[in-house]
Amino acid sequence: MIPAALLAFLVGCMVVCAFLRTRRAALLFSLAVFLMLALGVPLGEIAWKCRQPISEGCVWGKSLLPVSLAAGAAVGAVAAGLCWLAALGFQRRRRNASGATNSSHALDDARE
């Protein structure tokens, strides 16, 4: 179930990335994705399992929290990188469709 939820989350991120207009917005969104996956998922899982503090899931979850945080950071970094690249790709496609070039000289010429 978790891989399907992660896939749905990544698809949702790609949809959001299509509407980000600036690199700063893309960077902030990618950072939010990283933090949510790196910290939110492991800590949310602990909160869910520890509704009864003496349950076996709570004990195992607390003992494996450093491993969960490390795995979450790795998955979060990959997901954030994919979101960042998707946002830049959508921005580049939008810029090329509007007739702009990647050259800074063309931008300077357009200002004059």
C-alpha atoms as a PDB file:
ATOM      1  CA  MET A   1       0.000   0.000   0.000  1.00  0.00           C
ATOM      2  CA  ILE A   2       2.838   2.415   0.754  1.00  0.00           C
ATOM      3  CA  PRO A   3       4.410   2.194  -2.746  1.00  0.00           C
ATOM      4  CA  ALA A   4       1.014   2.942  -4.327  1.00  0.00           C
ATOM      5  CA  ALA A   5       0.538   5.915  -2.001  1.00  0.00           C
ATOM      6  CA  LEU A   6       4.048   7.161  -2.793  1.00  0.00           C
ATOM      7  CA  LEU A   7       3.380   6.829  -6.516  1.00  0.00           C
ATOM      8  CA  ALA A   8       0.114   8.768  -6.152  1.00  0.00           C
ATOM      9  CA  PHE A   9       1.952  11.422  -4.160  1.00  0.00           C
ATOM     10  CA  LEU A  10       4.630  11.773  -6.841  1.00  0.00           C
ATOM     11  CA  VAL A  11       2.016  12.051  -9.587  1.00  0.00           C
ATOM     12  CA  GLY A  12       0.326  14.794  -7.585  1.00  0.00           C
ATOM     13  CA  CYS A  13       3.667  16.568  -7.203  1.00  0.00           C
ATOM     14  CA  MET A  14       4.223  16.432 -10.956  1.00  0.00           C
ATOM     15  CA  VAL A  15       0.819  18.001 -11.540  1.00  0.00           C
ATOM     16  CA  VAL A  16       1.645  20.808  -9.109  1.00  0.00           C
ATOM     17  CA  CYS A  17       5.058  21.291 -10.740  1.00  0.00           C
ATOM     18  CA  ALA A  18       3.359  22.001 -14.062  1.00  0.00           C
ATOM     19  CA  PHE A  19       1.873  25.182 -12.585  1.00  0.00           C
ATOM     20  CA  LEU A  20       4.949  26.575 -10.802  1.00  0.00           C
ATOM     21  CA  ARG A  21       6.136  29.694 -12.638  1.00  0.00           C
ATOM     22  CA  THR A  22       9.444  30.581 -10.961  1.00  0.00           C
ATOM     23  CA  ARG A  23      12.505  28.644  -9.897  1.00  0.00           C
ATOM     24  CA  ARG A  24      12.103  29.889  -6.344  1.00  0.00           C
ATOM     25  CA  ALA A  25       8.584  28.438  -6.162  1.00  0.00           C
ATOM     26  CA  ALA A  26       9.862  25.151  -7.573  1.00  0.00           C
ATOM     27  CA  LEU A  27      12.682  25.075  -5.035  1.00  0.00           C
ATOM     28  CA  LEU A  28      10.348  25.810  -2.115  1.00  0.00           C
ATOM     29  CA  PHE A  29       7.900  23.168  -3.271  1.00  0.00           C
ATOM     30  CA  SER A  30      10.701  20.606  -3.647  1.00  0.00           C
ATOM     31  CA  LEU A  31      11.946  21.465  -0.162  1.00  0.00           C
ATOM     32  CA  ALA A  32       8.436  20.986   1.226  1.00  0.00           C
ATOM     33  CA  VAL A  33       8.224  17.584  -0.488  1.00  0.00           C
ATOM     34  CA  PHE A  34      11.560  16.591   1.032  1.00  0.00           C
ATOM     35  CA  LEU A  35      10.577  17.668   4.538  1.00  0.00           C
ATOM     36  CA  MET A  36       7.204  15.965   4.331  1.00  0.00           C
ATOM     37  CA  LEU A  37       8.707  12.660   3.233  1.00  0.00           C
ATOM     38  CA  ALA A  38      11.844  12.822   5.389  1.00  0.00           C
ATOM     39  CA  LEU A  39      10.167  13.872   8.639  1.00  0.00           C
ATOM     40  CA  GLY A  40       6.413  13.717   8.190  1.00  0.00           C
ATOM     41  CA  VAL A  41       6.072  10.100   7.153  1.00  0.00           C
ATOM     42  CA  PRO A  42       8.223   8.508   9.896  1.00  0.00           C
ATOM     43  CA  LEU A  43       6.867  10.771  12.631  1.00  0.00           C
ATOM     44  CA  GLY A  44       3.305  10.352  11.386  1.00  0.00           C
ATOM     45  CA  GLU A  45       3.717   6.596  11.447  1.00  0.00           C
ATOM     46  CA  ILE A  46       4.958   6.748  15.052  1.00  0.00           C
ATOM     47  CA  ALA A  47       2.025   8.961  16.023  1.00  0.00           C
ATOM     48  CA  TRP A  48      -0.394   6.516  14.394  1.00  0.00           C
ATOM     49  CA  LYS A  49       1.114   3.417  15.969  1.00  0.00           C
ATOM     50  CA  CYS A  50       1.539   4.959  19.411  1.00  0.00           C
ATOM     51  CA  ARG A  51      -2.128   5.617  20.028  1.00  0.00           C
ATOM     52  CA  GLN A  52      -1.646   2.806  22.529  1.00  0.00           C
ATOM     53  CA  PRO A  53       1.821   3.420  24.003  1.00  0.00           C
ATOM     54  CA  ILE A  54       2.438  -0.189  24.990  1.00  0.00           C
ATOM     55  CA  SER A  55       1.577  -1.678  21.596  1.00  0.00           C
ATOM     56  CA  GLU A  56       4.200  -3.689  19.763  1.00  0.00           C
ATOM     57  CA  GLY A  57       4.069  -1.369  16.757  1.00  0.00           C
ATOM     58  CA  CYS A  58       4.849   1.612  18.970  1.00  0.00           C
ATOM     59  CA  VAL A  59       7.804  -0.098  20.624  1.00  0.00           C
ATOM     60  CA  TRP A  60       9.261  -1.228  17.288  1.00  0.00           C
ATOM     61  CA  GLY A  61       8.528   2.131  15.676  1.00  0.00           C
ATOM     62  CA  LYS A  62      10.357   4.052  18.379  1.00  0.00           C
ATOM     63  CA  SER A  63      13.320   1.715  18.332  1.00  0.00           C
ATOM     64  CA  LEU A  64      13.659   1.914  14.538  1.00  0.00           C
ATOM     65  CA  LEU A  65      13.021   5.651  14.282  1.00  0.00           C
ATOM     66  CA  PRO A  66      16.617   6.537  13.252  1.00  0.00           C
ATOM     67  CA  VAL A  67      16.440   3.962  10.452  1.00  0.00           C
ATOM     68  CA  SER A  68      13.056   5.308   9.360  1.00  0.00           C
ATOM     69  CA  LEU A  69      14.368   8.871   9.332  1.00  0.00           C
ATOM     70  CA  ALA A  70      17.376   7.862   7.217  1.00  0.00           C
ATOM     71  CA  ALA A  71      15.213   5.948   4.748  1.00  0.00           C
ATOM     72  CA  GLY A  72      12.735   8.826   4.658  1.00  0.00           C
ATOM     73  CA  ALA A  73      15.556  11.261   3.916  1.00  0.00           C
ATOM     74  CA  ALA A  74      16.752   9.108   1.019  1.00  0.00           C
ATOM     75  CA  VAL A  75      13.270   8.720  -0.457  1.00  0.00           C
ATOM     76  CA  GLY A  76      12.543  12.392   0.183  1.00  0.00           C
ATOM     77  CA  ALA A  77      15.716  13.487  -1.578  1.00  0.00           C
ATOM     78  CA  VAL A  78      14.866  11.424  -4.658  1.00  0.00           C
ATOM     79  CA  ALA A  79      11.276  12.689  -4.717  1.00  0.00           C
ATOM     80  CA  ALA A  80      12.359  16.308  -4.222  1.00  0.00           C
ATOM     81  CA  GLY A  81      14.906  15.965  -7.005  1.00  0.00           C
ATOM     82  CA  LEU A  82      12.283  14.563  -9.346  1.00  0.00           C
ATOM     83  CA  CYS A  83       9.904  17.398  -8.480  1.00  0.00           C
ATOM     84  CA  TRP A  84      12.639  19.986  -9.025  1.00  0.00           C
ATOM     85  CA  LEU A  85      13.596  18.511 -12.405  1.00  0.00           C
ATOM     86  CA  ALA A  86       9.962  18.252 -13.477  1.00  0.00           C
ATOM     87  CA  ALA A  87       9.304  21.873 -12.533  1.00  0.00           C
ATOM     88  CA  LEU A  88      12.383  23.056 -14.434  1.00  0.00           C
ATOM     89  CA  GLY A  89      11.354  20.959 -17.440  1.00  0.00           C
ATOM     90  CA  PHE A  90       7.867  22.436 -17.456  1.00  0.00           C
ATOM     91  CA  GLN A  91       9.310  25.952 -17.114  1.00  0.00           C
ATOM     92  CA  ARG A  92      11.742  25.355 -19.968  1.00  0.00           C
ATOM     93  CA  ARG A  93       8.985  23.972 -22.171  1.00  0.00           C
ATOM     94  CA  ARG A  94       6.758  26.957 -21.377  1.00  0.00           C
ATOM     95  CA  ARG A  95       9.622  29.385 -22.086  1.00  0.00           C
ATOM     96  CA  ASN A  96      10.453  27.703 -25.413  1.00  0.00           C
ATOM     97  CA  ALA A  97       6.798  27.655 -26.429  1.00  0.00           C
ATOM     98  CA  SER A  98       6.554  31.391 -25.863  1.00  0.00           C
ATOM     99  CA  GLY A  99       9.470  32.007 -28.238  1.00  0.00           C
ATOM    100  CA  ALA A 100      12.102  32.953 -25.648  1.00  0.00           C
ATOM    101  CA  THR A 101      15.604  31.584 -25.907  1.00  0.00           C
ATOM    102  CA  ASN A 102      17.989  30.373 -23.244  1.00  0.00           C
ATOM    103  CA  SER A 103      20.581  32.993 -24.145  1.00  0.00           C
ATOM    104  CA  SER A 104      21.135  35.827 -21.717  1.00  0.00           C
ATOM    105  CA  HIS A 105      22.147  38.013 -24.666  1.00  0.00           C
ATOM    106  CA  ALA A 106      18.685  37.662 -26.178  1.00  0.00           C
ATOM    107  CA  LEU A 107      17.184  38.828 -22.897  1.00  0.00           C
ATOM    108  CA  ASP A 108      19.497  41.848 -22.843  1.00  0.00           C
ATOM    109  CA  ASP A 109      18.607  42.650 -26.461  1.00  0.00           C
ATOM    110  CA  ALA A 110      14.905  42.402 -25.673  1.00  0.00           C
ATOM    111  CA  ARG A 111      15.269  44.928 -22.839  1.00  0.00           C
ATOM    112  CA  GLU A 112      16.768  47.590 -25.126  1.00  0.00           C
END
